[in-house]
Amino acid sequence: MKTFDAFQMFKSELYGKKFSTVLADPPWQFQNRTGKMAPEHKRLNRYPTMSLQEILELPVSNVLSDTAHLYLWVPNALLPDGLSVLKAWGFEYKSNLIWYKIRKDGGPDRRGVGFYFRNVTEVILFGVKGKNARTLDAGRRQENIIVSQKREHSRKPDEQYKIIESCSPGPYLELFARGSRPNWTCWGNQAEEYFPDWETYKNHSQKKVI
């Protein structure tokens, strides 16, 4: 999505609503110092991306409740960009959750890319807005790690939803969603393409979620 398309789509579909918890997985661009896509990420360029500025300019703060939580997926190489987005959207960084990707045998999934290290993790930045914005009681017992197998490119683990729903209050909004989900407002150009079912969980660490 281009800036204009995403901005207008956001306004037309979400303005007038208020959300207490936001989950976002932006389509980040990977670039090297020349401004070109880094070679190690060219094979992953399978869906439209947005520049950092385009992501920063999304008016997320306009659809937030007075007190709100943000769960923001960000690649390891783009942590500074993720923190910038978190701040631009009206949140203060507090903590993170780590997705550790494993094989069927439980070992690390070494298929990830990386210029300096072979990435087997991804990060969710957790931010808050407003007063008394702590996690719910379950959050104070929740470990900040998800251990599960990787699936198709860019898809995040479904275990995230159980964690978010137990640790943060609704209404819930997912930005750049790759499927629909009950009790969530799902926004993005792939939001109607997938619905979780039992098959989703059969190889996962929390396959009894459904």
Protein backbone atom coordinates (compact mmCIF):
# COMPACT_ATOMS: atom_id res chain seq x y z
CA MET A 1 0.00 0.00 0.00
CA LYS A 2 1.19 3.50 -0.78
CA THR A 3 0.95 6.27 1.82
CA PHE A 4 -2.16 7.83 0.26
CA ASP A 5 -3.94 4.51 -0.09
CA ALA A 6 -3.14 3.37 3.45
CA PHE A 7 -3.92 6.75 4.99
CA GLN A 8 -7.27 7.09 3.27
CA MET A 9 -8.17 3.45 3.89
CA PHE A 10 -7.35 3.89 7.56
CA LYS A 11 -9.51 7.00 7.88
CA SER A 12 -12.48 5.60 6.00
CA GLU A 13 -12.57 2.29 7.86
CA LEU A 14 -11.41 3.14 11.39
CA TYR A 15 -12.16 6.78 12.20
CA GLY A 16 -14.93 7.13 14.76
CA LYS A 17 -13.90 3.94 16.56
CA LYS A 18 -11.80 3.62 19.71
CA PHE A 19 -9.53 0.73 20.64
CA SER A 20 -7.78 -0.18 23.88
CA THR A 21 -5.32 -2.65 22.36
CA VAL A 22 -3.56 -2.52 19.00
CA LEU A 23 -1.54 -5.30 17.35
CA ALA A 24 0.48 -4.22 14.31
CA ASP A 25 2.76 -6.04 11.88
CA PRO A 26 3.80 -3.32 9.40
CA PRO A 27 5.22 -4.28 5.98
CA TRP A 28 8.69 -2.91 6.74
CA GLN A 29 11.18 -2.10 3.98
CA PHE A 30 14.69 -3.51 4.34
CA GLN A 31 17.29 -1.19 2.80
CA ASN A 32 21.04 -0.92 2.93
CA ARG A 33 23.07 2.30 3.06
CA THR A 34 22.69 2.89 -0.67
CA GLY A 35 18.91 3.04 -0.28
CA LYS A 36 18.46 -0.25 -2.12
CA MET A 37 16.89 -3.37 -0.71
CA ALA A 38 19.50 -5.37 1.14
CA PRO A 39 20.56 -8.45 -0.90
CA GLU A 40 19.78 -10.87 1.92
CA HIS A 41 16.15 -9.69 1.90
CA LYS A 42 15.45 -9.60 -1.85
CA ARG A 43 14.06 -13.12 -1.85
CA LEU A 44 11.56 -12.04 0.82
CA ASN A 45 10.08 -9.20 -1.22
CA ARG A 46 6.80 -11.02 -1.85
CA TYR A 47 4.31 -8.40 -0.72
CA PRO A 48 3.98 -4.59 -0.95
CA THR A 49 6.04 -2.71 1.62
CA MET A 50 5.80 0.75 3.16
CA SER A 51 8.58 3.19 3.94
CA LEU A 52 9.28 4.15 7.54
CA GLN A 53 7.79 7.59 6.90
CA GLU A 54 4.60 6.05 5.53
CA ILE A 55 4.22 3.90 8.62
CA LEU A 56 4.98 6.81 10.95
CA GLU A 57 2.27 8.94 9.35
CA LEU A 58 -0.59 6.52 9.92
CA PRO A 59 -2.96 8.36 12.34
CA VAL A 60 -3.15 5.52 14.85
CA SER A 61 -3.41 7.91 17.80
CA ASN A 62 -6.81 9.07 16.50
CA VAL A 63 -8.43 5.69 17.14
CA LEU A 64 -7.05 5.00 20.62
CA SER A 65 -8.86 4.94 23.93
CA ASP A 66 -7.49 7.19 26.67
CA THR A 67 -5.59 4.19 28.01
CA ALA A 68 -4.21 1.76 25.44
CA HIS A 69 -1.63 -0.95 24.72
CA LEU A 70 0.41 -1.53 21.55
CA TYR A 71 2.01 -4.79 20.40
CA LEU A 72 4.29 -3.87 17.49
CA TRP A 73 6.16 -6.48 15.45
CA VAL A 74 9.57 -5.27 14.31
CA PRO A 75 12.49 -7.13 12.68
CA ASN A 76 15.70 -7.30 14.69
CA ALA A 77 17.52 -5.09 12.18
CA LEU A 78 14.90 -2.35 12.47
CA LEU A 79 14.49 -1.96 16.22
CA PRO A 80 15.25 1.81 16.15
CA ASP A 81 12.56 2.25 13.48
CA GLY A 82 10.11 0.27 15.58
CA LEU A 83 10.72 2.50 18.59
CA SER A 84 10.17 5.56 16.39
CA VAL A 85 6.85 4.19 15.16
CA LEU A 86 5.76 3.32 18.69
CA LYS A 87 6.40 6.91 19.79
CA ALA A 88 4.80 8.47 16.69
CA TRP A 89 1.62 6.49 17.29
CA GLY A 90 1.33 7.87 20.82
CA PHE A 91 2.86 5.12 22.95
CA GLU A 92 5.69 4.82 25.46
CA TYR A 93 7.92 1.73 25.22
CA LYS A 94 7.76 -0.57 28.24
CA SER A 95 8.86 -4.11 27.35
CA ASN A 96 8.92 -6.75 24.60
CA LEU A 97 7.97 -10.30 23.69
CA ILE A 98 10.25 -12.60 21.70
CA TRP A 99 9.16 -15.16 19.12
CA TYR A 100 11.69 -18.01 19.08
CA LYS A 101 11.24 -20.02 15.88
CA ILE A 102 11.80 -23.76 16.13
CA ARG A 103 11.82 -26.85 13.91
CA LYS A 104 9.54 -29.84 14.44
CA ASP A 105 12.22 -31.43 16.62
CA GLY A 106 12.34 -28.37 18.86
CA GLY A 107 15.69 -27.07 17.63
CA PRO A 108 16.20 -23.52 16.30
CA ASP A 109 14.85 -22.81 12.82
CA ARG A 110 17.97 -21.55 11.04
CA ARG A 111 16.25 -20.59 7.80
CA GLY A 112 16.05 -16.95 8.86
CA VAL A 113 18.09 -14.26 7.13
CA GLY A 114 20.55 -11.77 8.60
CA PHE A 115 23.68 -9.87 7.63
CA TYR A 116 25.47 -10.26 10.98
CA PHE A 117 23.72 -13.24 12.59
CA ARG A 118 21.26 -15.89 11.45
CA ASN A 119 17.98 -14.67 12.92
CA VAL A 120 15.82 -17.24 14.71
CA THR A 121 13.80 -14.64 16.63
CA GLU A 122 11.45 -11.74 16.01
CA VAL A 123 10.41 -9.05 18.46
CA ILE A 124 7.13 -7.53 19.59
CA LEU A 125 7.64 -4.11 21.16
CA PHE A 126 5.12 -3.41 23.91
CA GLY A 127 4.06 0.18 24.56
CA VAL A 128 1.43 1.91 26.65
CA LYS A 129 -0.60 5.11 26.45
CA GLY A 130 -2.31 6.93 29.30
CA LYS A 131 -2.54 6.46 33.04
CA ASN A 132 -2.88 3.12 34.83
CA ALA A 133 -1.92 1.30 31.65
CA ARG A 134 -0.43 -1.82 33.22
CA THR A 135 -1.21 -5.22 31.81
CA LEU A 136 -4.08 -7.22 33.29
CA ASP A 137 -3.37 -9.70 36.09
CA ALA A 138 -2.47 -12.47 33.64
CA GLY A 139 0.24 -10.29 32.15
CA ARG A 140 2.16 -10.28 35.40
CA ARG A 141 2.46 -14.07 35.16
CA GLN A 142 3.08 -14.24 31.40
CA GLU A 143 6.62 -15.05 30.21
CA ASN A 144 7.76 -12.76 27.40
CA ILE A 145 8.50 -15.55 24.90
CA ILE A 146 6.57 -17.47 22.24
CA VAL A 147 8.11 -20.76 21.09
CA SER A 148 6.56 -22.14 17.90
CA GLN A 149 7.22 -23.17 14.33
CA LYS A 150 7.44 -20.72 11.47
CA ARG A 151 4.85 -21.06 8.71
CA GLU A 152 4.45 -19.18 5.42
CA HIS A 153 6.43 -15.99 4.84
CA SER A 154 5.61 -13.09 7.16
CA ARG A 155 2.88 -14.94 9.09
CA LYS A 156 3.18 -14.49 12.82
CA PRO A 157 2.33 -17.14 15.43
CA ASP A 158 -1.34 -17.48 16.39
CA GLU A 159 -0.27 -17.92 20.02
CA GLN A 160 0.10 -14.15 20.15
CA TYR A 161 -3.67 -13.66 20.29
CA LYS A 162 -4.19 -15.71 23.44
CA ILE A 163 -1.41 -13.78 25.14
CA ILE A 164 -2.73 -10.39 24.07
CA GLU A 165 -6.34 -11.16 24.97
CA SER A 166 -5.34 -12.35 28.45
CA CYS A 167 -2.94 -9.47 29.14
CA SER A 168 -4.65 -6.47 27.56
CA PRO A 169 -8.24 -5.15 27.45
CA GLY A 170 -10.47 -4.82 24.39
CA PRO A 171 -11.69 -3.50 22.04
CA TYR A 172 -8.92 -5.04 19.91
CA LEU A 173 -7.53 -3.74 16.61
CA GLU A 174 -5.09 -5.57 14.34
CA LEU A 175 -3.28 -3.41 11.78
CA PHE A 176 -1.87 -4.99 8.60
CA ALA A 177 -3.83 -8.12 9.45
CA ARG A 178 -3.38 -11.29 7.39
CA GLY A 179 -6.71 -12.75 8.40
CA SER A 180 -9.91 -12.18 10.37
CA ARG A 181 -10.50 -13.14 13.99
CA PRO A 182 -13.55 -13.13 16.30
CA ASN A 183 -13.82 -10.10 18.60
CA TRP A 184 -11.12 -8.22 16.69
CA THR A 185 -11.32 -5.42 14.15
CA CYS A 186 -8.86 -6.50 11.45
CA TRP A 187 -7.53 -3.85 9.07
CA GLY A 188 -5.28 -4.27 6.05
CA ASN A 189 -5.21 -5.40 2.44
CA GLN A 190 -4.95 -9.08 3.45
CA ALA A 191 -7.42 -9.00 6.34
CA GLU A 192 -9.95 -11.33 4.70
CA GLU A 193 -7.52 -13.94 3.37
CA TYR A 194 -7.26 -16.30 6.31
CA PHE A 195 -9.19 -17.58 9.31
CA PRO A 196 -7.50 -19.66 12.04
CA ASP A 197 -8.66 -23.22 12.59
CA TRP A 198 -7.37 -26.44 14.13
CA GLU A 199 -4.88 -27.05 11.32
CA THR A 200 -3.20 -23.78 12.22
CA TYR A 201 -2.25 -25.13 15.62
CA LYS A 202 -1.35 -28.74 14.93
CA ASN A 203 2.41 -28.09 14.92
CA HIS A 204 2.38 -25.36 17.54
CA SER A 205 3.40 -25.26 21.17
CA GLN A 206 -0.13 -24.18 22.12
CA LYS A 207 -2.16 -26.38 19.79
CA LYS A 208 -4.94 -26.73 22.38
CA VAL A 209 -5.78 -23.02 22.24
CA ILE A 210 -8.87 -23.71 20.10
